């Protein structure tokens, strides 16, 4: 077990979680509507960035497994948040805001997939 790598993942994951929190709070101050746009934006950006990383791996631009793991599993793992998106779906179902549920379940995955593919295409 490589403790330096584990510490790197830990620090990057914490940094990613801090970035997610900061971004979410910023969006919440600007966006007062029923659709939770903060988590949506975070997941779209994270999908694009992970696509960029995957493309650099596929093209062998980055081959250092430490960098790949620290950025991918660490920072981007801490930044993106599928579980928060699903909790927001359940919350909006309970308060019968179906437009937000459709947005989160249909638009978010399609746009995230598109952004991941775009990122991958740019760097591969």
C-alpha atoms as a PDB file:
ATOM      1  CA  UNK A   1       0.000   0.000   0.000  1.00  0.00           C
ATOM      2  CA  UNK A   2       1.374   3.360  -1.042  1.00  0.00           C
ATOM      3  CA  UNK A   3       0.654   5.846   1.747  1.00  0.00           C
ATOM      4  CA  UNK A   4       1.869   8.857  -0.250  1.00  0.00           C
ATOM      5  CA  UNK A   5      -0.726   8.098  -2.945  1.00  0.00           C
ATOM      6  CA  UNK A   6      -3.441   7.651  -0.317  1.00  0.00           C
ATOM      7  CA  UNK A   7      -2.549  11.008   1.238  1.00  0.00           C
ATOM      8  CA  UNK A   8      -2.592  12.612  -2.231  1.00  0.00           C
ATOM      9  CA  UNK A   9      -6.057  11.193  -2.926  1.00  0.00           C
ATOM     10  CA  UNK A  10      -7.218  12.343   0.512  1.00  0.00           C
ATOM     11  CA  UNK A  11      -6.003  15.923  -0.047  1.00  0.00           C
ATOM     12  CA  UNK A  12      -7.326  16.079  -3.622  1.00  0.00           C
ATOM     13  CA  UNK A  13     -10.681  14.596  -2.566  1.00  0.00           C
ATOM     14  CA  UNK A  14     -11.033  17.156   0.200  1.00  0.00           C
ATOM     15  CA  UNK A  15     -10.127  19.929  -2.223  1.00  0.00           C
ATOM     16  CA  UNK A  16     -12.712  18.643  -4.702  1.00  0.00           C
ATOM     17  CA  UNK A  17     -15.385  18.501  -1.986  1.00  0.00           C
ATOM     18  CA  UNK A  18     -14.500  22.063  -0.925  1.00  0.00           C
ATOM     19  CA  UNK A  19     -14.730  23.207  -4.570  1.00  0.00           C
ATOM     20  CA  UNK A  20     -18.139  21.500  -4.893  1.00  0.00           C
ATOM     21  CA  UNK A  21     -19.437  23.160  -1.730  1.00  0.00           C
ATOM     22  CA  UNK A  22     -18.129  26.582  -2.788  1.00  0.00           C
ATOM     23  CA  UNK A  23     -19.574  26.283  -6.295  1.00  0.00           C
ATOM     24  CA  UNK A  24     -22.940  25.072  -4.957  1.00  0.00           C
ATOM     25  CA  UNK A  25     -23.178  27.956  -2.476  1.00  0.00           C
ATOM     26  CA  UNK A  26     -22.304  30.470  -5.201  1.00  0.00           C
ATOM     27  CA  UNK A  27     -24.977  29.112  -7.555  1.00  0.00           C
ATOM     28  CA  UNK A  28     -27.582  29.014  -4.755  1.00  0.00           C
ATOM     29  CA  UNK A  29     -27.020  32.738  -4.135  1.00  0.00           C
ATOM     30  CA  UNK A  30     -27.619  33.511  -7.807  1.00  0.00           C
ATOM     31  CA  UNK A  31     -30.360  30.961  -8.595  1.00  0.00           C
ATOM     32  CA  UNK A  32     -33.458  31.031  -6.390  1.00  0.00           C
ATOM     33  CA  UNK A  33     -35.664  28.733  -8.518  1.00  0.00           C
ATOM     34  CA  UNK A  34     -37.003  25.281  -7.599  1.00  0.00           C
ATOM     35  CA  UNK A  35     -34.594  23.365  -9.839  1.00  0.00           C
ATOM     36  CA  UNK A  36     -31.339  22.665  -7.916  1.00  0.00           C
ATOM     37  CA  UNK A  37     -28.928  24.105 -10.446  1.00  0.00           C
ATOM     38  CA  UNK A  38     -25.803  23.926  -8.249  1.00  0.00           C
ATOM     39  CA  UNK A  39     -25.492  20.139  -8.238  1.00  0.00           C
ATOM     40  CA  UNK A  40     -26.463  20.074 -11.904  1.00  0.00           C
ATOM     41  CA  UNK A  41     -23.681  22.490 -12.914  1.00  0.00           C
ATOM     42  CA  UNK A  42     -21.130  20.691 -10.738  1.00  0.00           C
ATOM     43  CA  UNK A  43     -21.933  17.322 -12.316  1.00  0.00           C
ATOM     44  CA  UNK A  44     -21.804  18.748 -15.852  1.00  0.00           C
ATOM     45  CA  UNK A  45     -18.429  20.409 -15.242  1.00  0.00           C
ATOM     46  CA  UNK A  46     -17.121  17.283 -13.500  1.00  0.00           C
ATOM     47  CA  UNK A  47     -18.236  15.063 -16.391  1.00  0.00           C
ATOM     48  CA  UNK A  48     -16.456  17.313 -18.882  1.00  0.00           C
ATOM     49  CA  UNK A  49     -13.266  17.361 -16.797  1.00  0.00           C
ATOM     50  CA  UNK A  50     -13.326  13.594 -16.324  1.00  0.00           C
ATOM     51  CA  UNK A  51     -13.832  13.247 -20.083  1.00  0.00           C
ATOM     52  CA  UNK A  52     -10.762  15.420 -20.630  1.00  0.00           C
ATOM     53  CA  UNK A  53      -8.785  13.229 -18.243  1.00  0.00           C
ATOM     54  CA  UNK A  54     -10.009  10.011 -19.882  1.00  0.00           C
ATOM     55  CA  UNK A  55      -9.046  11.366 -23.297  1.00  0.00           C
ATOM     56  CA  UNK A  56      -5.532  12.189 -22.128  1.00  0.00           C
ATOM     57  CA  UNK A  57      -5.245   8.663 -20.742  1.00  0.00           C
ATOM     58  CA  UNK A  58      -6.500   7.134 -24.000  1.00  0.00           C
ATOM     59  CA  UNK A  59      -4.056   9.210 -26.054  1.00  0.00           C
ATOM     60  CA  UNK A  60      -1.264   8.375 -23.609  1.00  0.00           C
ATOM     61  CA  UNK A  61      -0.625  12.103 -23.049  1.00  0.00           C
ATOM     62  CA  UNK A  62      -0.675  11.373 -19.322  1.00  0.00           C
ATOM     63  CA  UNK A  63       0.661   7.993 -18.271  1.00  0.00           C
ATOM     64  CA  UNK A  64       1.561   8.686 -14.648  1.00  0.00           C
ATOM     65  CA  UNK A  65      -0.913   6.628 -12.626  1.00  0.00           C
ATOM     66  CA  UNK A  66      -0.388   8.852  -9.591  1.00  0.00           C
ATOM     67  CA  UNK A  67      -1.584  11.947 -11.448  1.00  0.00           C
ATOM     68  CA  UNK A  68      -4.489  10.067 -13.004  1.00  0.00           C
ATOM     69  CA  UNK A  69      -5.598   8.617  -9.674  1.00  0.00           C
ATOM     70  CA  UNK A  70      -5.181  11.809  -7.677  1.00  0.00           C
ATOM     71  CA  UNK A  71      -7.065  13.928 -10.227  1.00  0.00           C
ATOM     72  CA  UNK A  72      -9.685  11.336 -11.204  1.00  0.00           C
ATOM     73  CA  UNK A  73     -10.500   9.500  -7.986  1.00  0.00           C
ATOM     74  CA  UNK A  74      -9.342  12.299  -5.696  1.00  0.00           C
ATOM     75  CA  UNK A  75     -10.319  15.752  -6.919  1.00  0.00           C
ATOM     76  CA  UNK A  76     -13.049  14.844  -9.417  1.00  0.00           C
ATOM     77  CA  UNK A  77     -14.404  12.127  -7.118  1.00  0.00           C
ATOM     78  CA  UNK A  78     -14.752  14.734  -4.391  1.00  0.00           C
ATOM     79  CA  UNK A  79     -16.115  17.362  -6.772  1.00  0.00           C
ATOM     80  CA  UNK A  80     -18.876  15.453  -8.553  1.00  0.00           C
ATOM     81  CA  UNK A  81     -21.868  14.183  -6.663  1.00  0.00           C
ATOM     82  CA  UNK A  82     -24.279  11.629  -8.088  1.00  0.00           C
ATOM     83  CA  UNK A  83     -25.681  10.831  -4.645  1.00  0.00           C
ATOM     84  CA  UNK A  84     -26.617  14.469  -3.978  1.00  0.00           C
ATOM     85  CA  UNK A  85     -28.377  14.604  -7.343  1.00  0.00           C
ATOM     86  CA  UNK A  86     -30.424  11.522  -6.451  1.00  0.00           C
ATOM     87  CA  UNK A  87     -31.347  12.930  -3.030  1.00  0.00           C
ATOM     88  CA  UNK A  88     -32.515  16.088  -4.794  1.00  0.00           C
ATOM     89  CA  UNK A  89     -34.710  13.909  -7.044  1.00  0.00           C
ATOM     90  CA  UNK A  90     -36.308  12.242  -4.009  1.00  0.00           C
ATOM     91  CA  UNK A  91     -36.754  15.595  -2.268  1.00  0.00           C
ATOM     92  CA  UNK A  92     -38.488  17.105  -5.292  1.00  0.00           C
ATOM     93  CA  UNK A  93     -40.682  14.026  -5.686  1.00  0.00           C
ATOM     94  CA  UNK A  94     -41.845  14.410  -2.100  1.00  0.00           C
ATOM     95  CA  UNK A  95     -42.807  18.057  -2.582  1.00  0.00           C
ATOM     96  CA  UNK A  96     -44.355  17.256  -5.961  1.00  0.00           C
ATOM     97  CA  UNK A  97     -42.062  19.455  -8.058  1.00  0.00           C
ATOM     98  CA  UNK A  98     -42.131  17.114 -11.015  1.00  0.00           C
ATOM     99  CA  UNK A  99     -40.525  19.574 -13.434  1.00  0.00           C
ATOM    100  CA  UNK A 100     -37.348  19.475 -11.306  1.00  0.00           C
ATOM    101  CA  UNK A 101     -37.455  15.662 -11.214  1.00  0.00           C
ATOM    102  CA  UNK A 102     -37.706  15.431 -15.010  1.00  0.00           C
ATOM    103  CA  UNK A 103     -34.888  17.931 -15.377  1.00  0.00           C
ATOM    104  CA  UNK A 104     -32.620  16.021 -12.991  1.00  0.00           C
ATOM    105  CA  UNK A 105     -33.409  12.544 -14.324  1.00  0.00           C
ATOM    106  CA  UNK A 106     -33.501  13.314 -18.053  1.00  0.00           C
ATOM    107  CA  UNK A 107     -31.505  16.436 -18.865  1.00  0.00           C
ATOM    108  CA  UNK A 108     -28.674  16.010 -16.356  1.00  0.00           C
ATOM    109  CA  UNK A 109     -27.518  12.532 -17.470  1.00  0.00           C
ATOM    110  CA  UNK A 110     -27.812  13.374 -21.170  1.00  0.00           C
ATOM    111  CA  UNK A 111     -25.884  16.611 -20.836  1.00  0.00           C
ATOM    112  CA  UNK A 112     -23.285  15.003 -18.525  1.00  0.00           C
ATOM    113  CA  UNK A 113     -22.729  12.219 -21.058  1.00  0.00           C
ATOM    114  CA  UNK A 114     -22.437  14.744 -23.879  1.00  0.00           C
ATOM    115  CA  UNK A 115     -19.910  16.814 -21.916  1.00  0.00           C
ATOM    116  CA  UNK A 116     -17.869  13.737 -20.988  1.00  0.00           C
ATOM    117  CA  UNK A 117     -17.787  12.682 -24.657  1.00  0.00           C
ATOM    118  CA  UNK A 118     -16.802  16.208 -25.705  1.00  0.00           C
ATOM    119  CA  UNK A 119     -13.975  16.288 -23.176  1.00  0.00           C
ATOM    120  CA  UNK A 120     -12.781  12.872 -24.292  1.00  0.00           C
ATOM    121  CA  UNK A 121     -12.890  13.902 -27.966  1.00  0.00           C
ATOM    122  CA  UNK A 122     -10.949  17.110 -27.332  1.00  0.00           C
ATOM    123  CA  UNK A 123      -8.020  15.355 -25.657  1.00  0.00           C
ATOM    124  CA  UNK A 124      -7.875  11.979 -27.356  1.00  0.00           C
END
